[in-house]
Amino acid sequence: DWLQHLDYFAVDLNEEYSALFGGVLEEQ
């Protein structure tokens, strides 16, 4: 019986292999 609910949002990073290149991390 929570008084306030949670609104979930998610970021779509296009399933990129971000751990392999720092430049991708900066853009993300």
PDB file of all heavy atoms in Angstrom:
ATOM      1  N   ASP A   1       0.815  -1.229   0.000  1.00  0.00           N
ATOM      2  CA  ASP A   1       0.000   0.000   0.000  1.00  0.00           C
ATOM      3  C   ASP A   1       0.846   1.276   0.000  1.00  0.00           C
ATOM      4  O   ASP A   1       0.619   2.193   0.792  1.00  0.00           O
ATOM      5  CB  ASP A   1      -0.960   0.009   1.197  1.00  0.00           C
ATOM      6  CG  ASP A   1      -1.971  -1.111   1.121  1.00  0.00           C
ATOM      7  OD1 ASP A   1      -2.409  -1.425  -0.005  1.00  0.00           O
ATOM      8  OD2 ASP A   1      -2.319  -1.679   2.171  1.00  0.00           O
ATOM      9  N   TRP A   2       1.826   1.332  -0.877  1.00  0.00           N
ATOM     10  CA  TRP A   2       2.669   2.520  -0.958  1.00  0.00           C
ATOM     11  C   TRP A   2       1.834   3.741  -1.290  1.00  0.00           C
ATOM     12  O   TRP A   2       0.887   3.676  -2.075  1.00  0.00           O
ATOM     13  CB  TRP A   2       3.743   2.356  -2.025  1.00  0.00           C
ATOM     14  CG  TRP A   2       4.870   1.466  -1.619  1.00  0.00           C
ATOM     15  CD1 TRP A   2       5.035   0.827  -0.428  1.00  0.00           C
ATOM     16  CD2 TRP A   2       5.984   1.114  -2.420  1.00  0.00           C
ATOM     17  NE1 TRP A   2       6.191   0.101  -0.421  1.00  0.00           N
ATOM     18  CE2 TRP A   2       6.802   0.248  -1.637  1.00  0.00           C
ATOM     19  CE3 TRP A   2       6.391   1.429  -3.698  1.00  0.00           C
ATOM     20  CZ2 TRP A   2       7.988  -0.268  -2.113  1.00  0.00           C
ATOM     21  CZ3 TRP A   2       7.572   0.901  -4.173  1.00  0.00           C
ATOM     22  CH2 TRP A   2       8.362   0.064  -3.382  1.00  0.00           C
ATOM     23  N   LEU A   3       2.207   4.863  -0.711  1.00  0.00           N
ATOM     24  CA  LEU A   3       1.516   6.109  -1.004  1.00  0.00           C
ATOM     25  C   LEU A   3       1.975   6.700  -2.332  1.00  0.00           C
ATOM     26  O   LEU A   3       1.229   7.409  -2.989  1.00  0.00           O
ATOM     27  CB  LEU A   3       1.760   7.120   0.123  1.00  0.00           C
ATOM     28  CG  LEU A   3       1.217   6.712   1.488  1.00  0.00           C
ATOM     29  CD1 LEU A   3       1.613   7.744   2.541  1.00  0.00           C
ATOM     30  CD2 LEU A   3      -0.289   6.538   1.436  1.00  0.00           C
ATOM     31  N   GLN A   4       3.198   6.427  -2.708  1.00  0.00           N
ATOM     32  CA  GLN A   4       3.732   6.939  -3.966  1.00  0.00           C
ATOM     33  C   GLN A   4       4.288   5.778  -4.777  1.00  0.00           C
ATOM     34  O   GLN A   4       4.978   4.911  -4.249  1.00  0.00           O
ATOM     35  CB  GLN A   4       4.833   7.973  -3.730  1.00  0.00           C
ATOM     36  CG  GLN A   4       5.296   8.633  -5.018  1.00  0.00           C
ATOM     37  CD  GLN A   4       6.304   9.728  -4.757  1.00  0.00           C
ATOM     38  OE1 GLN A   4       6.970   9.753  -3.742  1.00  0.00           O
ATOM     39  NE2 GLN A   4       6.419  10.643  -5.688  1.00  0.00           N
ATOM     40  N   HIS A   5       3.980   5.775  -6.055  1.00  0.00           N
ATOM     41  CA  HIS A   5       4.481   4.715  -6.920  1.00  0.00           C
ATOM     42  C   HIS A   5       5.789   5.147  -7.573  1.00  0.00           C
ATOM     43  O   HIS A   5       6.226   6.280  -7.417  1.00  0.00           O
ATOM     44  CB  HIS A   5       3.429   4.361  -7.982  1.00  0.00           C
ATOM     45  CG  HIS A   5       3.135   5.482  -8.913  1.00  0.00           C
ATOM     46  ND1 HIS A   5       2.263   6.495  -8.606  1.00  0.00           N
ATOM     47  CD2 HIS A   5       3.613   5.774 -10.147  1.00  0.00           C
ATOM     48  CE1 HIS A   5       2.219   7.356  -9.606  1.00  0.00           C
ATOM     49  NE2 HIS A   5       3.031   6.940 -10.555  1.00  0.00           N
ATOM     50  N   LEU A   6       6.387   4.234  -8.296  1.00  0.00           N
ATOM     51  CA  LEU A   6       7.651   4.490  -8.977  1.00  0.00           C
ATOM     52  C   LEU A   6       7.414   4.537 -10.484  1.00  0.00           C
ATOM     53  O   LEU A   6       6.701   3.706 -11.020  1.00  0.00           O
ATOM     54  CB  LEU A   6       8.660   3.389  -8.644  1.00  0.00           C
ATOM     55  CG  LEU A   6       8.923   3.154  -7.158  1.00  0.00           C
ATOM     56  CD1 LEU A   6       9.801   1.918  -6.974  1.00  0.00           C
ATOM     57  CD2 LEU A   6       9.554   4.360  -6.524  1.00  0.00           C
ATOM     58  N   ASP A   7       8.006   5.518 -11.133  1.00  0.00           N
ATOM     59  CA  ASP A   7       7.961   5.617 -12.595  1.00  0.00           C
ATOM     60  C   ASP A   7       9.320   5.182 -13.126  1.00  0.00           C
ATOM     61  O   ASP A   7      10.332   5.847 -12.882  1.00  0.00           O
ATOM     62  CB  ASP A   7       7.682   7.056 -13.051  1.00  0.00           C
ATOM     63  CG  ASP A   7       6.301   7.544 -12.682  1.00  0.00           C
ATOM     64  OD1 ASP A   7       5.369   6.716 -12.617  1.00  0.00           O
ATOM     65  OD2 ASP A   7       6.146   8.759 -12.469  1.00  0.00           O
ATOM     66  N   TYR A   8       9.354   4.064 -13.840  1.00  0.00           N
ATOM     67  CA  TYR A   8      10.613   3.535 -14.379  1.00  0.00           C
ATOM     68  C   TYR A   8      10.843   4.030 -15.797  1.00  0.00           C
ATOM     69  O   TYR A   8       9.946   3.987 -16.635  1.00  0.00           O
ATOM     70  CB  TYR A   8      10.595   2.002 -14.384  1.00  0.00           C
ATOM     71  CG  TYR A   8      11.151   1.407 -13.126  1.00  0.00           C
ATOM     72  CD1 TYR A   8      10.367   1.278 -11.998  1.00  0.00           C
ATOM     73  CD2 TYR A   8      12.478   0.989 -13.062  1.00  0.00           C
ATOM     74  CE1 TYR A   8      10.886   0.739 -10.838  1.00  0.00           C
ATOM     75  CE2 TYR A   8      13.001   0.448 -11.902  1.00  0.00           C
ATOM     76  CZ  TYR A   8      12.198   0.326 -10.801  1.00  0.00           C
ATOM     77  OH  TYR A   8      12.718  -0.213  -9.655  1.00  0.00           O
ATOM     78  N   PHE A   9      12.057   4.482 -16.036  1.00  0.00           N
ATOM     79  CA  PHE A   9      12.521   4.873 -17.364  1.00  0.00           C
ATOM     80  C   PHE A   9      13.809   4.103 -17.621  1.00  0.00           C
ATOM     81  O   PHE A   9      14.485   3.684 -16.689  1.00  0.00           O
ATOM     82  CB  PHE A   9      12.803   6.381 -17.431  1.00  0.00           C
ATOM     83  CG  PHE A   9      11.614   7.232 -17.114  1.00  0.00           C
ATOM     84  CD1 PHE A   9      11.349   7.619 -15.812  1.00  0.00           C
ATOM     85  CD2 PHE A   9      10.745   7.629 -18.111  1.00  0.00           C
ATOM     86  CE1 PHE A   9      10.245   8.398 -15.502  1.00  0.00           C
ATOM     87  CE2 PHE A   9       9.641   8.404 -17.817  1.00  0.00           C
ATOM     88  CZ  PHE A   9       9.395   8.789 -16.510  1.00  0.00           C
ATOM     89  N   ALA A  10      14.163   3.924 -18.879  1.00  0.00           N
ATOM     90  CA  ALA A  10      15.403   3.220 -19.210  1.00  0.00           C
ATOM     91  C   ALA A  10      16.089   3.909 -20.385  1.00  0.00           C
ATOM     92  O   ALA A  10      15.427   4.445 -21.278  1.00  0.00           O
ATOM     93  CB  ALA A  10      15.113   1.761 -19.554  1.00  0.00           C
ATOM     94  N   VAL A  11      17.395   3.897 -20.363  1.00  0.00           N
ATOM     95  CA  VAL A  11      18.194   4.452 -21.449  1.00  0.00           C
ATOM     96  C   VAL A  11      18.477   3.336 -22.449  1.00  0.00           C
ATOM     97  O   VAL A  11      18.863   2.238 -22.070  1.00  0.00           O
ATOM     98  CB  VAL A  11      19.520   5.032 -20.901  1.00  0.00           C
ATOM     99  CG1 VAL A  11      20.423   5.483 -22.027  1.00  0.00           C
ATOM    100  CG2 VAL A  11      19.241   6.180 -19.958  1.00  0.00           C
ATOM    101  N   ASP A  12      18.266   3.619 -23.720  1.00  0.00           N
ATOM    102  CA  ASP A  12      18.572   2.654 -24.778  1.00  0.00           C
ATOM    103  C   ASP A  12      19.923   3.017 -25.378  1.00  0.00           C
ATOM    104  O   ASP A  12      20.050   4.016 -26.089  1.00  0.00           O
ATOM    105  CB  ASP A  12      17.473   2.682 -25.848  1.00  0.00           C
ATOM    106  CG  ASP A  12      17.680   1.646 -26.933  1.00  0.00           C
ATOM    107  OD1 ASP A  12      18.655   0.876 -26.863  1.00  0.00           O
ATOM    108  OD2 ASP A  12      16.859   1.609 -27.869  1.00  0.00           O
ATOM    109  N   LEU A  13      20.932   2.223 -25.088  1.00  0.00           N
ATOM    110  CA  LEU A  13      22.285   2.468 -25.603  1.00  0.00           C
ATOM    111  C   LEU A  13      22.592   1.594 -26.816  1.00  0.00           C
ATOM    112  O   LEU A  13      23.753   1.361 -27.153  1.00  0.00           O
ATOM    113  CB  LEU A  13      23.314   2.245 -24.487  1.00  0.00           C
ATOM    114  CG  LEU A  13      23.160   3.167 -23.266  1.00  0.00           C
ATOM    115  CD1 LEU A  13      24.152   2.773 -22.169  1.00  0.00           C
ATOM    116  CD2 LEU A  13      23.319   4.622 -23.648  1.00  0.00           C
ATOM    117  N   ASN A  14      21.558   1.116 -27.474  1.00  0.00           N
ATOM    118  CA  ASN A  14      21.681   0.324 -28.700  1.00  0.00           C
ATOM    119  C   ASN A  14      22.514  -0.941 -28.535  1.00  0.00           C
ATOM    120  O   ASN A  14      23.132  -1.417 -29.486  1.00  0.00           O
ATOM    121  CB  ASN A  14      22.236   1.165 -29.850  1.00  0.00           C
ATOM    122  CG  ASN A  14      21.317   2.273 -30.237  1.00  0.00           C
ATOM    123  OD1 ASN A  14      20.096   2.105 -30.268  1.00  0.00           O
ATOM    124  ND2 ASN A  14      21.878   3.440 -30.529  1.00  0.00           N
ATOM    125  N   GLU A  15      22.581  -1.456 -27.315  1.00  0.00           N
ATOM    126  CA  GLU A  15      23.315  -2.683 -27.019  1.00  0.00           C
ATOM    127  C   GLU A  15      24.769  -2.634 -27.514  1.00  0.00           C
ATOM    128  O   GLU A  15      25.339  -3.637 -27.943  1.00  0.00           O
ATOM    129  CB  GLU A  15      22.570  -3.899 -27.578  1.00  0.00           C
ATOM    130  CG  GLU A  15      21.187  -4.052 -26.967  1.00  0.00           C
ATOM    131  CD  GLU A  15      20.400  -5.237 -27.485  1.00  0.00           C
ATOM    132  OE1 GLU A  15      21.001  -6.184 -28.011  1.00  0.00           O
ATOM    133  OE2 GLU A  15      19.171  -5.212 -27.358  1.00  0.00           O
ATOM    134  N   GLU A  16      25.356  -1.436 -27.449  1.00  0.00           N
ATOM    135  CA  GLU A  16      26.739  -1.255 -27.882  1.00  0.00           C
ATOM    136  C   GLU A  16      27.713  -1.919 -26.910  1.00  0.00           C
ATOM    137  O   GLU A  16      27.446  -2.035 -25.721  1.00  0.00           O
ATOM    138  CB  GLU A  16      27.073   0.236 -27.982  1.00  0.00           C
ATOM    139  CG  GLU A  16      26.315   0.938 -29.079  1.00  0.00           C
ATOM    140  CD  GLU A  16      26.639   2.417 -29.131  1.00  0.00           C
ATOM    141  OE1 GLU A  16      26.618   3.066 -28.084  1.00  0.00           O
ATOM    142  OE2 GLU A  16      26.910   2.907 -30.231  1.00  0.00           O
ATOM    143  N   TYR A  17      28.853  -2.311 -27.431  1.00  0.00           N
ATOM    144  CA  TYR A  17      29.919  -2.892 -26.617  1.00  0.00           C
ATOM    145  C   TYR A  17      30.734  -1.760 -25.992  1.00  0.00           C
ATOM    146  O   TYR A  17      31.858  -1.498 -26.363  1.00  0.00           O
ATOM    147  CB  TYR A  17      30.807  -3.801 -27.464  1.00  0.00           C
ATOM    148  CG  TYR A  17      30.092  -5.050 -27.916  1.00  0.00           C
ATOM    149  CD1 TYR A  17      29.597  -5.161 -29.207  1.00  0.00           C
ATOM    150  CD2 TYR A  17      29.908  -6.111 -27.041  1.00  0.00           C
ATOM    151  CE1 TYR A  17      28.925  -6.304 -29.615  1.00  0.00           C
ATOM    152  CE2 TYR A  17      29.238  -7.258 -27.436  1.00  0.00           C
ATOM    153  CZ  TYR A  17      28.757  -7.345 -28.723  1.00  0.00           C
ATOM    154  OH  TYR A  17      28.100  -8.468 -29.113  1.00  0.00           O
ATOM    155  N   SER A  18      30.149  -1.107 -25.021  1.00  0.00           N
ATOM    156  CA  SER A  18      30.734   0.094 -24.444  1.00  0.00           C
ATOM    157  C   SER A  18      31.977  -0.173 -23.604  1.00  0.00           C
ATOM    158  O   SER A  18      32.808   0.709 -23.438  1.00  0.00           O
ATOM    159  CB  SER A  18      29.690   0.828 -23.598  1.00  0.00           C
ATOM    160  OG  SER A  18      29.136  -0.049 -22.646  1.00  0.00           O
ATOM    161  N   ALA A  19      32.132  -1.354 -23.048  1.00  0.00           N
ATOM    162  CA  ALA A  19      33.288  -1.638 -22.189  1.00  0.00           C
ATOM    163  C   ALA A  19      34.570  -1.792 -22.994  1.00  0.00           C
ATOM    164  O   ALA A  19      35.648  -1.861 -22.423  1.00  0.00           O
ATOM    165  CB  ALA A  19      33.031  -2.898 -21.370  1.00  0.00           C
ATOM    166  N   LEU A  20      34.472  -1.833 -24.312  1.00  0.00           N
ATOM    167  CA  LEU A  20      35.640  -2.100 -25.142  1.00  0.00           C
ATOM    168  C   LEU A  20      36.326  -0.849 -25.674  1.00  0.00           C
ATOM    169  O   LEU A  20      37.441  -0.926 -26.176  1.00  0.00           O
ATOM    170  CB  LEU A  20      35.241  -2.994 -26.320  1.00  0.00           C
ATOM    171  CG  LEU A  20      34.575  -4.318 -25.930  1.00  0.00           C
ATOM    172  CD1 LEU A  20      34.163  -5.082 -27.165  1.00  0.00           C
ATOM    173  CD2 LEU A  20      35.494  -5.153 -25.056  1.00  0.00           C
ATOM    174  N   PHE A  21      35.664   0.324 -25.566  1.00  0.00           N
ATOM    175  CA  PHE A  21      36.251   1.534 -26.127  1.00  0.00           C
ATOM    176  C   PHE A  21      35.783   2.744 -25.324  1.00  0.00           C
ATOM    177  O   PHE A  21      34.584   2.989 -25.188  1.00  0.00           O
ATOM    178  CB  PHE A  21      35.858   1.679 -27.597  1.00  0.00           C
ATOM    179  CG  PHE A  21      36.353   2.943 -28.230  1.00  0.00           C
ATOM    180  CD1 PHE A  21      37.711   3.213 -28.309  1.00  0.00           C
ATOM    181  CD2 PHE A  21      35.472   3.864 -28.752  1.00  0.00           C
ATOM    182  CE1 PHE A  21      38.168   4.381 -28.888  1.00  0.00           C
ATOM    183  CE2 PHE A  21      35.923   5.028 -29.337  1.00  0.00           C
ATOM    184  CZ  PHE A  21      37.283   5.291 -29.405  1.00  0.00           C
ATOM    185  N   GLY A  22      36.737   3.487 -24.777  1.00  0.00           N
ATOM    186  CA  GLY A  22      36.428   4.638 -23.934  1.00  0.00           C
ATOM    187  C   GLY A  22      35.646   5.736 -24.635  1.00  0.00           C
ATOM    188  O   GLY A  22      34.872   6.443 -24.010  1.00  0.00           O
ATOM    189  N   GLY A  23      35.841   5.891 -25.948  1.00  0.00           N
ATOM    190  CA  GLY A  23      35.116   6.917 -26.693  1.00  0.00           C
ATOM    191  C   GLY A  23      33.614   6.691 -26.660  1.00  0.00           C
ATOM    192  O   GLY A  23      32.826   7.642 -26.578  1.00  0.00           O
ATOM    193  N   VAL A  24      33.224   5.442 -26.704  1.00  0.00           N
ATOM    194  CA  VAL A  24      31.798   5.109 -26.622  1.00  0.00           C
ATOM    195  C   VAL A  24      31.267   5.488 -25.247  1.00  0.00           C
ATOM    196  O   VAL A  24      30.168   6.029 -25.117  1.00  0.00           O
ATOM    197  CB  VAL A  24      31.565   3.602 -26.901  1.00  0.00           C
ATOM    198  CG1 VAL A  24      30.129   3.208 -26.633  1.00  0.00           C
ATOM    199  CG2 VAL A  24      31.947   3.262 -28.330  1.00  0.00           C
ATOM    200  N   LEU A  25      32.055   5.236 -24.211  1.00  0.00           N
ATOM    201  CA  LEU A  25      31.634   5.575 -22.848  1.00  0.00           C
ATOM    202  C   LEU A  25      31.393   7.073 -22.694  1.00  0.00           C
ATOM    203  O   LEU A  25      30.441   7.491 -22.036  1.00  0.00           O
ATOM    204  CB  LEU A  25      32.673   5.102 -21.831  1.00  0.00           C
ATOM    205  CG  LEU A  25      32.804   3.598 -21.659  1.00  0.00           C
ATOM    206  CD1 LEU A  25      33.969   3.266 -20.740  1.00  0.00           C
ATOM    207  CD2 LEU A  25      31.515   3.008 -21.125  1.00  0.00           C
ATOM    208  N   GLU A  26      32.246   7.885 -23.286  1.00  0.00           N
ATOM    209  CA  GLU A  26      32.075   9.341 -23.218  1.00  0.00           C
ATOM    210  C   GLU A  26      30.748   9.768 -23.851  1.00  0.00           C
ATOM    211  O   GLU A  26      30.006  10.561 -23.283  1.00  0.00           O
ATOM    212  CB  GLU A  26      33.235  10.063 -23.924  1.00  0.00           C
ATOM    213  CG  GLU A  26      34.515  10.055 -23.166  1.00  0.00           C
ATOM    214  CD  GLU A  26      34.451  10.882 -21.887  1.00  0.00           C
ATOM    215  OE1 GLU A  26      33.775  11.932 -21.865  1.00  0.00           O
ATOM    216  OE2 GLU A  26      35.084  10.455 -20.914  1.00  0.00           O
ATOM    217  N   GLU A  27      30.478   9.233 -25.025  1.00  0.00           N
ATOM    218  CA  GLU A  27      29.223   9.566 -25.714  1.00  0.00           C
ATOM    219  C   GLU A  27      28.010   9.078 -24.927  1.00  0.00           C
ATOM    220  O   GLU A  27      26.991   9.765 -24.834  1.00  0.00           O
ATOM    221  CB  GLU A  27      29.216   8.986 -27.132  1.00  0.00           C
ATOM    222  CG  GLU A  27      30.228   9.613 -28.062  1.00  0.00           C
ATOM    223  CD  GLU A  27      30.023  11.117 -28.205  1.00  0.00           C
ATOM    224  OE1 GLU A  27      28.873  11.560 -28.386  1.00  0.00           O
ATOM    225  OE2 GLU A  27      31.030  11.852 -28.111  1.00  0.00           O
ATOM    226  N   GLN A  28      28.108   7.892 -24.358  1.00  0.00           N
ATOM    227  CA  GLN A  28      26.992   7.360 -23.579  1.00  0.00           C
ATOM    228  C   GLN A  28      26.760   8.190 -22.324  1.00  0.00           C
ATOM    229  O   GLN A  28      25.613   8.429 -21.938  1.00  0.00           O
ATOM    230  CB  GLN A  28      27.247   5.895 -23.222  1.00  0.00           C
ATOM    231  CG  GLN A  28      27.124   4.981 -24.415  1.00  0.00           C
ATOM    232  CD  GLN A  28      27.425   3.530 -24.082  1.00  0.00           C
ATOM    233  OE1 GLN A  28      28.012   3.219 -23.057  1.00  0.00           O
ATOM    234  NE2 GLN A  28      27.016   2.639 -24.970  1.00  0.00           N
TER     235      GLN A  28
END
